[in-house]
Amino acid sequence: MKTSVVKIIVVAISFGIFSCGKDKKEPVNKTSVTVAVEEDKPIVDINKTSTKSTVVFADPKTQKLYGSYLQIKRGLVNSDLKGVKNAAKELEGVIGEDTSLKQLKATASLMSLTKELTKQRDFLVGLTEEMERILKGVEITSGEIYKQFCPMAFEGKGGYWLSDSKEVRNPYYGDKMLKCGSVEKTIQ
């Protein structure tokens, strides 16, 4: 009888061990977890820095344009496709029917329509060039804008962007190469 009791105990313990191990090894429904994380991005804003230059323009419209540009850059740093789309739509709204900004509006429109983050990042080049063109003709009453450069972007050709911080937060690579780049110019 002792042997039967020992066998039952061993079987019970084995069953408990194997069933617990099985529960731990069963995969979680990763599809639903992944979708939830992607839809709620960004969970953590990796665009944040310890320093920030609050730029004030004499022209209120330029203030809004630059603010929308920074939101696009933030979305790209955070790899937030939806955030970039929304900020690009906001930029289009700020531009309105201003024909002198038609290239900026066209680029913003492309960014708001694309369904690929890599394409949005490609459009940042043109968006940055247009913002720089606009900034050349306006008065900055306070603060600084930092023109930054990543030498790795576009297969080593490099890419520029504008920032409100000296600390690099790379919109071309996001968290893959967050701090890759340098300040090339300070605009005051």
N, C-alpha and C. Protein backbone atom coordinates (compact mmCIF):
# COMPACT_ATOMS: atom_id res chain seq x y z
N MET A 1 0.81 -1.18 0.00
CA MET A 1 0.00 0.00 0.00
C MET A 1 0.86 1.25 0.00
N LYS A 2 1.98 1.19 0.71
CA LYS A 2 2.87 2.34 0.74
C LYS A 2 3.35 2.67 -0.66
N THR A 3 3.63 1.69 -1.47
CA THR A 3 4.10 1.91 -2.83
C THR A 3 3.03 2.60 -3.65
N SER A 4 1.79 2.24 -3.49
CA SER A 4 0.69 2.87 -4.22
C SER A 4 0.55 4.33 -3.82
N VAL A 5 0.65 4.62 -2.53
CA VAL A 5 0.55 6.00 -2.05
C VAL A 5 1.70 6.83 -2.59
N VAL A 6 2.90 6.27 -2.57
CA VAL A 6 4.08 6.98 -3.08
C VAL A 6 3.90 7.24 -4.58
N LYS A 7 3.41 6.27 -5.33
CA LYS A 7 3.19 6.44 -6.77
C LYS A 7 2.16 7.55 -7.03
N ILE A 8 1.11 7.56 -6.24
CA ILE A 8 0.07 8.58 -6.41
C ILE A 8 0.64 9.97 -6.11
N ILE A 9 1.43 10.06 -5.05
CA ILE A 9 2.04 11.35 -4.70
C ILE A 9 2.99 11.80 -5.80
N VAL A 10 3.82 10.90 -6.31
CA VAL A 10 4.77 11.23 -7.38
C VAL A 10 4.00 11.67 -8.63
N VAL A 11 2.94 10.96 -8.97
CA VAL A 11 2.13 11.32 -10.14
C VAL A 11 1.49 12.69 -9.92
N ALA A 12 0.96 12.94 -8.74
CA ALA A 12 0.31 14.21 -8.44
C ALA A 12 1.31 15.36 -8.52
N ILE A 13 2.50 15.15 -7.94
CA ILE A 13 3.52 16.19 -7.97
C ILE A 13 3.98 16.42 -9.42
N SER A 14 4.19 15.34 -10.15
CA SER A 14 4.61 15.46 -11.56
C SER A 14 3.56 16.20 -12.36
N PHE A 15 2.32 15.87 -12.15
CA PHE A 15 1.24 16.53 -12.86
C PHE A 15 1.24 18.03 -12.56
N GLY A 16 1.42 18.35 -11.27
CA GLY A 16 1.46 19.75 -10.86
C GLY A 16 2.63 20.49 -11.48
N ILE A 17 3.78 19.87 -11.49
CA ILE A 17 4.97 20.51 -12.05
C ILE A 17 4.80 20.72 -13.54
N PHE A 18 4.39 19.68 -14.25
CA PHE A 18 4.27 19.79 -15.70
C PHE A 18 3.15 20.72 -16.12
N SER A 19 2.06 20.71 -15.40
CA SER A 19 0.96 21.59 -15.79
C SER A 19 1.31 23.05 -15.52
N CYS A 20 2.03 23.35 -14.43
CA CYS A 20 2.46 24.73 -14.16
C CYS A 20 3.48 25.17 -15.19
N GLY A 21 4.40 24.27 -15.51
CA GLY A 21 5.39 24.60 -16.53
C GLY A 21 4.74 24.85 -17.86
N LYS A 22 3.71 24.07 -18.17
CA LYS A 22 3.01 24.24 -19.44
C LYS A 22 2.33 25.60 -19.49
N ASP A 23 1.70 25.99 -18.37
CA ASP A 23 1.02 27.29 -18.33
C ASP A 23 2.00 28.43 -18.54
N LYS A 24 3.18 28.31 -17.97
CA LYS A 24 4.17 29.37 -18.11
C LYS A 24 4.70 29.47 -19.53
N LYS A 25 4.74 28.35 -20.23
CA LYS A 25 5.32 28.33 -21.56
C LYS A 25 4.31 28.66 -22.66
N GLU A 26 3.03 28.63 -22.34
CA GLU A 26 2.03 28.93 -23.36
C GLU A 26 2.19 30.37 -23.81
N PRO A 27 2.21 30.61 -25.12
CA PRO A 27 2.38 31.97 -25.60
C PRO A 27 1.16 32.82 -25.32
N VAL A 28 1.42 34.05 -24.99
CA VAL A 28 0.36 35.03 -24.82
C VAL A 28 -0.09 35.43 -26.21
N ASN A 29 -1.34 35.85 -26.35
CA ASN A 29 -1.82 36.30 -27.64
C ASN A 29 -1.08 37.60 -27.98
N LYS A 30 0.08 37.46 -28.63
CA LYS A 30 0.95 38.60 -28.90
C LYS A 30 0.34 39.57 -29.90
N THR A 31 -0.52 39.10 -30.77
CA THR A 31 -1.13 39.98 -31.75
C THR A 31 -1.94 41.06 -31.07
N SER A 32 -2.77 40.68 -30.12
CA SER A 32 -3.59 41.69 -29.46
C SER A 32 -2.75 42.62 -28.60
N VAL A 33 -1.69 42.10 -27.98
CA VAL A 33 -0.81 42.94 -27.17
C VAL A 33 -0.08 43.92 -28.07
N THR A 34 0.46 43.44 -29.18
CA THR A 34 1.21 44.30 -30.11
C THR A 34 0.31 45.39 -30.68
N VAL A 35 -0.88 45.04 -31.10
CA VAL A 35 -1.79 46.03 -31.67
C VAL A 35 -2.12 47.10 -30.65
N ALA A 36 -2.39 46.68 -29.41
CA ALA A 36 -2.73 47.66 -28.38
C ALA A 36 -1.57 48.62 -28.16
N VAL A 37 -0.34 48.12 -28.11
CA VAL A 37 0.82 48.98 -27.90
C VAL A 37 0.98 49.92 -29.08
N GLU A 38 0.86 49.42 -30.31
CA GLU A 38 1.04 50.27 -31.49
C GLU A 38 -0.03 51.34 -31.58
N GLU A 39 -1.27 51.02 -31.23
CA GLU A 39 -2.34 52.00 -31.32
C GLU A 39 -2.19 53.10 -30.28
N ASP A 40 -1.60 52.77 -29.13
CA ASP A 40 -1.47 53.74 -28.06
C ASP A 40 -0.12 54.45 -28.06
N LYS A 41 0.72 54.21 -29.05
CA LYS A 41 2.03 54.85 -29.08
C LYS A 41 1.88 56.34 -29.09
N PRO A 42 2.76 57.12 -28.56
CA PRO A 42 3.91 56.70 -27.80
C PRO A 42 3.58 56.51 -26.31
N ILE A 43 4.01 55.42 -25.76
CA ILE A 43 3.82 55.16 -24.35
C ILE A 43 4.79 56.03 -23.56
N VAL A 44 6.03 56.12 -24.02
CA VAL A 44 7.05 56.96 -23.43
C VAL A 44 7.54 57.91 -24.50
N ASP A 45 7.60 59.19 -24.19
CA ASP A 45 8.06 60.18 -25.15
C ASP A 45 9.58 60.23 -25.11
N ILE A 46 10.24 59.56 -26.06
CA ILE A 46 11.69 59.54 -26.08
C ILE A 46 12.26 60.81 -26.72
N ASN A 47 11.39 61.71 -27.15
CA ASN A 47 11.81 62.99 -27.69
C ASN A 47 12.16 63.99 -26.58
N LYS A 48 11.76 63.69 -25.36
CA LYS A 48 12.01 64.61 -24.23
C LYS A 48 13.50 64.76 -24.00
N THR A 49 13.87 65.99 -23.64
CA THR A 49 15.26 66.30 -23.32
C THR A 49 15.29 67.09 -22.01
N SER A 50 16.47 67.22 -21.45
CA SER A 50 16.59 67.97 -20.19
C SER A 50 16.64 69.48 -20.43
N THR A 51 16.92 69.87 -21.67
CA THR A 51 16.94 71.29 -22.02
C THR A 51 16.02 71.54 -23.20
N LYS A 52 15.47 72.72 -23.23
CA LYS A 52 14.57 73.08 -24.32
C LYS A 52 14.61 74.59 -24.52
N SER A 53 14.65 75.01 -25.76
CA SER A 53 14.63 76.42 -26.07
C SER A 53 13.23 76.79 -26.57
N THR A 54 12.56 77.63 -25.84
CA THR A 54 11.24 78.08 -26.26
C THR A 54 11.44 79.27 -27.19
N VAL A 55 11.15 79.02 -28.45
CA VAL A 55 11.34 80.04 -29.48
C VAL A 55 10.07 80.87 -29.60
N VAL A 56 10.25 82.18 -29.67
CA VAL A 56 9.12 83.08 -29.87
C VAL A 56 9.40 83.88 -31.14
N PHE A 57 8.44 83.83 -32.05
CA PHE A 57 8.54 84.55 -33.32
C PHE A 57 7.70 85.82 -33.25
N ALA A 58 8.13 86.83 -33.98
CA ALA A 58 7.35 88.07 -34.07
C ALA A 58 6.03 87.80 -34.80
N ASP A 59 6.04 86.85 -35.73
CA ASP A 59 4.86 86.50 -36.52
C ASP A 59 4.13 85.31 -35.90
N PRO A 60 2.86 85.49 -35.50
CA PRO A 60 2.12 84.39 -34.86
C PRO A 60 1.91 83.17 -35.77
N LYS A 61 1.78 83.37 -37.06
CA LYS A 61 1.58 82.24 -37.97
C LYS A 61 2.84 81.37 -38.01
N THR A 62 4.00 82.00 -38.04
CA THR A 62 5.25 81.24 -38.02
C THR A 62 5.36 80.44 -36.73
N GLN A 63 4.89 81.01 -35.63
CA GLN A 63 4.88 80.32 -34.34
C GLN A 63 4.10 79.01 -34.45
N LYS A 64 2.95 79.07 -35.08
CA LYS A 64 2.11 77.88 -35.24
C LYS A 64 2.74 76.88 -36.21
N LEU A 65 3.32 77.38 -37.30
CA LEU A 65 3.98 76.50 -38.27
C LEU A 65 5.12 75.73 -37.61
N TYR A 66 5.94 76.46 -36.87
CA TYR A 66 7.08 75.83 -36.20
C TYR A 66 6.60 74.84 -35.12
N GLY A 67 5.57 75.20 -34.40
CA GLY A 67 5.00 74.30 -33.39
C GLY A 67 4.52 72.99 -34.01
N SER A 68 3.86 73.09 -35.16
CA SER A 68 3.39 71.88 -35.86
C SER A 68 4.57 71.06 -36.38
N TYR A 69 5.58 71.75 -36.89
CA TYR A 69 6.79 71.06 -37.35
C TYR A 69 7.41 70.26 -36.19
N LEU A 70 7.51 70.87 -35.03
CA LEU A 70 8.09 70.18 -33.87
C LEU A 70 7.25 68.97 -33.46
N GLN A 71 5.94 69.05 -33.62
CA GLN A 71 5.08 67.90 -33.32
C GLN A 71 5.33 66.75 -34.30
N ILE A 72 5.56 67.10 -35.55
CA ILE A 72 5.90 66.08 -36.56
C ILE A 72 7.22 65.42 -36.19
N LYS A 73 8.20 66.24 -35.86
CA LYS A 73 9.52 65.71 -35.47
C LYS A 73 9.38 64.81 -34.24
N ARG A 74 8.58 65.23 -33.26
CA ARG A 74 8.36 64.43 -32.05
C ARG A 74 7.76 63.07 -32.42
N GLY A 75 6.76 63.09 -33.30
CA GLY A 75 6.14 61.84 -33.73
C GLY A 75 7.12 60.91 -34.41
N LEU A 76 8.01 61.46 -35.23
CA LEU A 76 9.01 60.64 -35.91
C LEU A 76 10.02 60.06 -34.93
N VAL A 77 10.46 60.85 -33.97
CA VAL A 77 11.39 60.36 -32.95
C VAL A 77 10.75 59.19 -32.20
N ASN A 78 9.47 59.32 -31.90
CA ASN A 78 8.75 58.29 -31.14
C ASN A 78 8.22 57.16 -32.02
N SER A 79 8.52 57.22 -33.33
CA SER A 79 8.01 56.22 -34.28
C SER A 79 6.50 56.09 -34.17
N ASP A 80 5.83 57.22 -34.10
CA ASP A 80 4.39 57.30 -33.90
C ASP A 80 3.71 57.73 -35.21
N LEU A 81 3.39 56.76 -36.05
CA LEU A 81 2.78 57.01 -37.36
C LEU A 81 1.54 57.89 -37.25
N LYS A 82 0.66 57.53 -36.34
CA LYS A 82 -0.59 58.28 -36.16
C LYS A 82 -0.32 59.71 -35.68
N GLY A 83 0.60 59.86 -34.77
CA GLY A 83 0.96 61.17 -34.26
C GLY A 83 1.51 62.07 -35.35
N VAL A 84 2.34 61.51 -36.23
CA VAL A 84 2.88 62.27 -37.36
C VAL A 84 1.76 62.67 -38.30
N LYS A 85 0.86 61.75 -38.58
CA LYS A 85 -0.28 62.06 -39.46
C LYS A 85 -1.10 63.22 -38.89
N ASN A 86 -1.40 63.16 -37.61
CA ASN A 86 -2.21 64.21 -36.98
C ASN A 86 -1.49 65.56 -36.99
N ALA A 87 -0.20 65.55 -36.68
CA ALA A 87 0.57 66.80 -36.68
C ALA A 87 0.68 67.38 -38.09
N ALA A 88 0.82 66.51 -39.08
CA ALA A 88 0.91 66.97 -40.47
C ALA A 88 -0.43 67.58 -40.92
N LYS A 89 -1.53 66.97 -40.49
CA LYS A 89 -2.85 67.55 -40.80
C LYS A 89 -3.01 68.91 -40.12
N GLU A 90 -2.52 69.01 -38.90
CA GLU A 90 -2.57 70.28 -38.17
C GLU A 90 -1.76 71.34 -38.94
N LEU A 91 -0.60 70.96 -39.42
CA LEU A 91 0.24 71.88 -40.20
C LEU A 91 -0.49 72.34 -41.46
N GLU A 92 -1.14 71.41 -42.14
CA GLU A 92 -1.93 71.78 -43.32
C GLU A 92 -2.99 72.83 -42.96
N GLY A 93 -3.64 72.63 -41.83
CA GLY A 93 -4.67 73.58 -41.39
C GLY A 93 -4.10 74.96 -41.09
N VAL A 94 -2.93 75.01 -40.49
CA VAL A 94 -2.29 76.29 -40.19
C VAL A 94 -1.95 77.02 -41.49
N ILE A 95 -1.49 76.27 -42.47
CA ILE A 95 -1.12 76.87 -43.77
C ILE A 95 -2.35 77.41 -44.48
N GLY A 96 -3.43 76.65 -44.42
CA GLY A 96 -4.67 77.08 -45.06
C GLY A 96 -4.49 77.28 -46.55
N GLU A 97 -4.94 78.41 -47.05
CA GLU A 97 -4.89 78.71 -48.48
C GLU A 97 -3.70 79.59 -48.88
N ASP A 98 -2.74 79.72 -47.99
CA ASP A 98 -1.56 80.56 -48.26
C ASP A 98 -0.73 79.94 -49.38
N THR A 99 -0.79 80.55 -50.57
CA THR A 99 -0.11 80.00 -51.75
C THR A 99 1.41 80.11 -51.66
N SER A 100 1.93 80.99 -50.81
CA SER A 100 3.38 81.08 -50.67
C SER A 100 3.94 79.88 -49.92
N LEU A 101 3.07 79.10 -49.31
CA LEU A 101 3.48 77.92 -48.55
C LEU A 101 3.00 76.63 -49.20
N LYS A 102 2.75 76.68 -50.51
CA LYS A 102 2.16 75.50 -51.16
C LYS A 102 3.07 74.26 -51.12
N GLN A 103 4.39 74.45 -51.18
CA GLN A 103 5.30 73.29 -51.12
C GLN A 103 5.29 72.67 -49.73
N LEU A 104 5.28 73.52 -48.71
CA LEU A 104 5.20 73.04 -47.33
C LEU A 104 3.90 72.27 -47.12
N LYS A 105 2.81 72.81 -47.65
CA LYS A 105 1.51 72.16 -47.51
C LYS A 105 1.48 70.83 -48.26
N ALA A 106 2.07 70.78 -49.44
CA ALA A 106 2.10 69.53 -50.22
C ALA A 106 2.87 68.45 -49.47
N THR A 107 3.99 68.82 -48.88
CA THR A 107 4.79 67.85 -48.13
C THR A 107 4.03 67.38 -46.88
N ALA A 108 3.41 68.31 -46.18
CA ALA A 108 2.62 67.95 -45.00
C ALA A 108 1.48 67.01 -45.40
N SER A 109 0.87 67.28 -46.54
CA SER A 109 -0.22 66.44 -47.03
C SER A 109 0.27 65.01 -47.29
N LEU A 110 1.42 64.90 -47.92
CA LEU A 110 1.99 63.56 -48.17
C LEU A 110 2.27 62.83 -46.86
N MET A 111 2.77 63.56 -45.89
CA MET A 111 3.05 62.93 -44.58
C MET A 111 1.76 62.48 -43.89
N SER A 112 0.70 63.23 -44.08
CA SER A 112 -0.56 62.87 -43.42
C SER A 112 -1.26 61.71 -44.11
N LEU A 113 -0.95 61.48 -45.38
CA LEU A 113 -1.62 60.42 -46.14
C LEU A 113 -0.88 59.09 -46.14
N THR A 114 0.44 59.13 -45.96
CA THR A 114 1.20 57.88 -46.06
C THR A 114 0.92 56.96 -44.88
N LYS A 115 1.03 55.69 -45.14
CA LYS A 115 0.78 54.67 -44.12
C LYS A 115 2.07 53.99 -43.69
N GLU A 116 3.21 54.61 -44.04
CA GLU A 116 4.50 54.04 -43.69
C GLU A 116 5.37 55.07 -42.99
N LEU A 117 5.88 54.71 -41.85
CA LEU A 117 6.75 55.59 -41.09
C LEU A 117 8.02 55.93 -41.87
N THR A 118 8.56 54.97 -42.61
CA THR A 118 9.78 55.23 -43.38
C THR A 118 9.54 56.31 -44.44
N LYS A 119 8.38 56.31 -45.03
CA LYS A 119 8.05 57.35 -46.03
C LYS A 119 7.89 58.70 -45.34
N GLN A 120 7.26 58.71 -44.18
CA GLN A 120 7.13 59.97 -43.44
C GLN A 120 8.51 60.53 -43.13
N ARG A 121 9.42 59.66 -42.76
CA ARG A 121 10.79 60.11 -42.47
C ARG A 121 11.46 60.65 -43.73
N ASP A 122 11.20 60.03 -44.86
CA ASP A 122 11.75 60.53 -46.12
C ASP A 122 11.25 61.95 -46.40
N PHE A 123 9.98 62.20 -46.13
CA PHE A 123 9.38 63.52 -46.39
C PHE A 123 9.90 64.60 -45.44
N LEU A 124 10.50 64.20 -44.33
CA LEU A 124 11.02 65.18 -43.38
C LEU A 124 12.10 66.06 -44.02
N VAL A 125 12.85 65.52 -44.94
CA VAL A 125 13.90 66.29 -45.61
C VAL A 125 13.30 67.53 -46.28
N GLY A 126 12.28 67.34 -47.10
CA GLY A 126 11.63 68.45 -47.80
C GLY A 126 10.93 69.39 -46.84
N LEU A 127 10.31 68.82 -45.82
CA LEU A 127 9.61 69.64 -44.82
C LEU A 127 10.60 70.56 -44.11
N THR A 128 11.75 70.02 -43.76
CA THR A 128 12.78 70.80 -43.08
C THR A 128 13.32 71.90 -43.98
N GLU A 129 13.56 71.58 -45.24
CA GLU A 129 14.05 72.60 -46.19
C GLU A 129 13.05 73.75 -46.31
N GLU A 130 11.78 73.42 -46.37
CA GLU A 130 10.74 74.46 -46.49
C GLU A 130 10.64 75.30 -45.21
N MET A 131 10.75 74.64 -44.06
CA MET A 131 10.71 75.39 -42.80
C MET A 131 11.90 76.34 -42.70
N GLU A 132 13.06 75.87 -43.12
CA GLU A 132 14.24 76.74 -43.10
C GLU A 132 14.04 77.96 -44.00
N ARG A 133 13.46 77.74 -45.15
CA ARG A 133 13.18 78.84 -46.08
C ARG A 133 12.28 79.87 -45.41
N ILE A 134 11.27 79.41 -44.73
CA ILE A 134 10.33 80.29 -44.03
C ILE A 134 11.03 81.05 -42.90
N LEU A 135 11.87 80.34 -42.16
CA LEU A 135 12.53 80.94 -41.00
C LEU A 135 13.54 82.02 -41.38
N LYS A 136 14.06 81.97 -42.60
CA LYS A 136 15.03 82.99 -43.04
C LYS A 136 14.41 84.38 -43.09
N GLY A 137 13.13 84.44 -43.32
CA GLY A 137 12.49 85.74 -43.48
C GLY A 137 11.71 86.23 -42.28
N VAL A 138 11.87 85.60 -41.13
CA VAL A 138 11.09 86.03 -39.95
C VAL A 138 12.00 86.40 -38.79
N GLU A 139 11.44 87.18 -37.90
CA GLU A 139 12.19 87.62 -36.73
C GLU A 139 11.91 86.69 -35.55
N ILE A 140 13.00 86.23 -34.94
CA ILE A 140 12.90 85.44 -33.71
C ILE A 140 13.16 86.41 -32.57
N THR A 141 12.15 86.61 -31.73
CA THR A 141 12.31 87.58 -30.63
C THR A 141 13.00 86.98 -29.42
N SER A 142 12.92 85.66 -29.25
CA SER A 142 13.67 84.99 -28.19
C SER A 142 13.78 83.50 -28.48
N GLY A 143 14.79 82.90 -27.90
CA GLY A 143 15.01 81.47 -28.06
C GLY A 143 15.91 81.15 -29.24
N GLU A 144 16.20 79.86 -29.38
CA GLU A 144 17.08 79.39 -30.45
C GLU A 144 16.49 78.13 -31.10
N ILE A 145 16.81 77.97 -32.37
CA ILE A 145 16.45 76.76 -33.12
C ILE A 145 17.76 76.08 -33.46
N TYR A 146 17.80 74.78 -33.30
CA TYR A 146 19.01 74.03 -33.57
C TYR A 146 18.82 73.18 -34.82
N LYS A 147 19.64 73.47 -35.82
CA LYS A 147 19.63 72.66 -37.04
C LYS A 147 20.58 71.49 -36.77
N GLN A 148 20.02 70.29 -36.82
CA GLN A 148 20.79 69.10 -36.49
C GLN A 148 20.95 68.21 -37.72
N PHE A 149 21.96 67.36 -37.66
CA PHE A 149 22.32 66.53 -38.81
C PHE A 149 22.68 65.12 -38.36
N CYS A 150 22.14 64.14 -39.08
CA CYS A 150 22.51 62.74 -38.87
C CYS A 150 23.27 62.27 -40.10
N PRO A 151 24.54 61.91 -39.96
CA PRO A 151 25.32 61.47 -41.11
C PRO A 151 24.94 60.07 -41.61
N MET A 152 24.20 59.31 -40.81
CA MET A 152 23.84 57.93 -41.17
C MET A 152 22.57 57.85 -42.03
N ALA A 153 21.75 58.88 -41.98
CA ALA A 153 20.47 58.85 -42.68
C ALA A 153 20.69 58.71 -44.19
N PHE A 154 19.74 58.07 -44.83
CA PHE A 154 19.72 57.91 -46.28
C PHE A 154 21.01 57.30 -46.81
N GLU A 155 21.34 56.16 -46.22
CA GLU A 155 22.48 55.36 -46.65
C GLU A 155 23.78 56.15 -46.66
N GLY A 156 23.98 56.97 -45.63
CA GLY A 156 25.22 57.71 -45.49
C GLY A 156 25.24 59.08 -46.14
N LYS A 157 24.15 59.46 -46.80
CA LYS A 157 24.09 60.80 -47.40
C LYS A 157 23.78 61.85 -46.33
N GLY A 158 23.11 61.45 -45.29
CA GLY A 158 22.79 62.33 -44.18
C GLY A 158 21.47 63.05 -44.34
N GLY A 159 20.97 63.55 -43.24
CA GLY A 159 19.70 64.27 -43.24
C GLY A 159 19.65 65.28 -42.11
N TYR A 160 19.02 66.43 -42.38
CA TYR A 160 18.87 67.52 -41.42
C TYR A 160 17.47 67.54 -40.83
N TRP A 161 17.35 68.19 -39.67
CA TRP A 161 16.07 68.50 -39.08
C TRP A 161 16.27 69.68 -38.13
N LEU A 162 15.18 70.27 -37.71
CA LEU A 162 15.21 71.40 -36.77
C LEU A 162 14.74 70.91 -35.41
N SER A 163 15.32 71.51 -34.36
CA SER A 163 14.97 71.07 -33.01
C SER A 163 14.91 72.26 -32.05
N ASP A 164 14.21 72.05 -30.96
CA ASP A 164 14.13 73.05 -29.90
C ASP A 164 15.06 72.71 -28.74
N SER A 165 15.98 71.77 -28.97
CA SER A 165 16.93 71.37 -27.94
C SER A 165 18.29 71.07 -28.58
N LYS A 166 19.36 71.39 -27.85
CA LYS A 166 20.71 71.04 -28.31
C LYS A 166 20.91 69.53 -28.26
N GLU A 167 20.17 68.86 -27.37
CA GLU A 167 20.28 67.41 -27.23
C GLU A 167 19.65 66.74 -28.45
N VAL A 168 20.37 65.86 -29.08
CA VAL A 168 19.90 65.21 -30.30
C VAL A 168 18.86 64.14 -29.98
N ARG A 169 17.76 64.21 -30.69
CA ARG A 169 16.73 63.16 -30.69
C ARG A 169 16.42 62.94 -32.17
N ASN A 170 16.96 61.87 -32.71
CA ASN A 170 16.98 61.63 -34.15
C ASN A 170 15.64 61.17 -34.71
N PRO A 171 15.00 61.98 -35.56
CA PRO A 171 13.72 61.60 -36.14
C PRO A 171 13.84 60.58 -37.28
N TYR A 172 15.03 60.42 -37.82
CA TYR A 172 15.21 59.47 -38.92
C TYR A 172 15.33 58.03 -38.44
N TYR A 173 15.74 57.84 -37.19
CA TYR A 173 15.92 56.49 -36.66
C TYR A 173 15.15 56.21 -35.37
N GLY A 174 14.66 57.24 -34.71
CA GLY A 174 13.93 57.02 -33.46
C GLY A 174 14.79 56.32 -32.44
N ASP A 175 14.23 55.33 -31.76
CA ASP A 175 14.97 54.66 -30.68
C ASP A 175 16.12 53.79 -31.17
N LYS A 176 16.20 53.54 -32.47
CA LYS A 176 17.30 52.71 -33.00
C LYS A 176 18.63 53.45 -32.92
N MET A 177 18.61 54.77 -33.15
CA MET A 177 19.82 55.59 -33.04
C MET A 177 19.41 56.96 -32.53
N LEU A 178 18.82 56.97 -31.36
CA LEU A 178 18.19 58.15 -30.79
C LEU A 178 19.10 59.37 -30.74
N LYS A 179 20.35 59.17 -30.38
CA LYS A 179 21.25 60.31 -30.17
C LYS A 179 22.29 60.46 -31.28
N CYS A 180 22.05 59.82 -32.40
CA CYS A 180 22.96 59.92 -33.54
C CYS A 180 22.75 61.26 -34.23
N GLY A 181 23.76 62.09 -34.23
CA GLY A 181 23.68 63.37 -34.89
C GLY A 181 24.40 64.45 -34.11
N SER A 182 24.35 65.66 -34.67
CA SER A 182 25.01 66.79 -34.02
C SER A 182 24.34 68.08 -34.43
N VAL A 183 24.56 69.12 -33.64
CA VAL A 183 24.04 70.45 -33.96
C VAL A 183 24.99 71.05 -35.00
N GLU A 184 24.46 71.38 -36.16
CA GLU A 184 25.24 71.96 -37.23
C GLU A 184 25.18 73.48 -37.24
N LYS A 185 24.08 74.02 -36.73
CA LYS A 185 23.86 75.46 -36.80
C LYS A 185 22.85 75.85 -35.73
N THR A 186 23.02 77.05 -35.17
CA THR A 186 22.05 77.61 -34.24
C THR A 186 21.42 78.83 -34.90
N ILE A 187 20.10 78.83 -34.97
CA ILE A 187 19.34 79.92 -35.60
C ILE A 187 18.74 80.77 -34.49
N GLN A 188 19.06 82.11 -34.52
CA GLN A 188 18.55 83.00 -33.49
C GLN A 188 17.79 84.15 -34.12
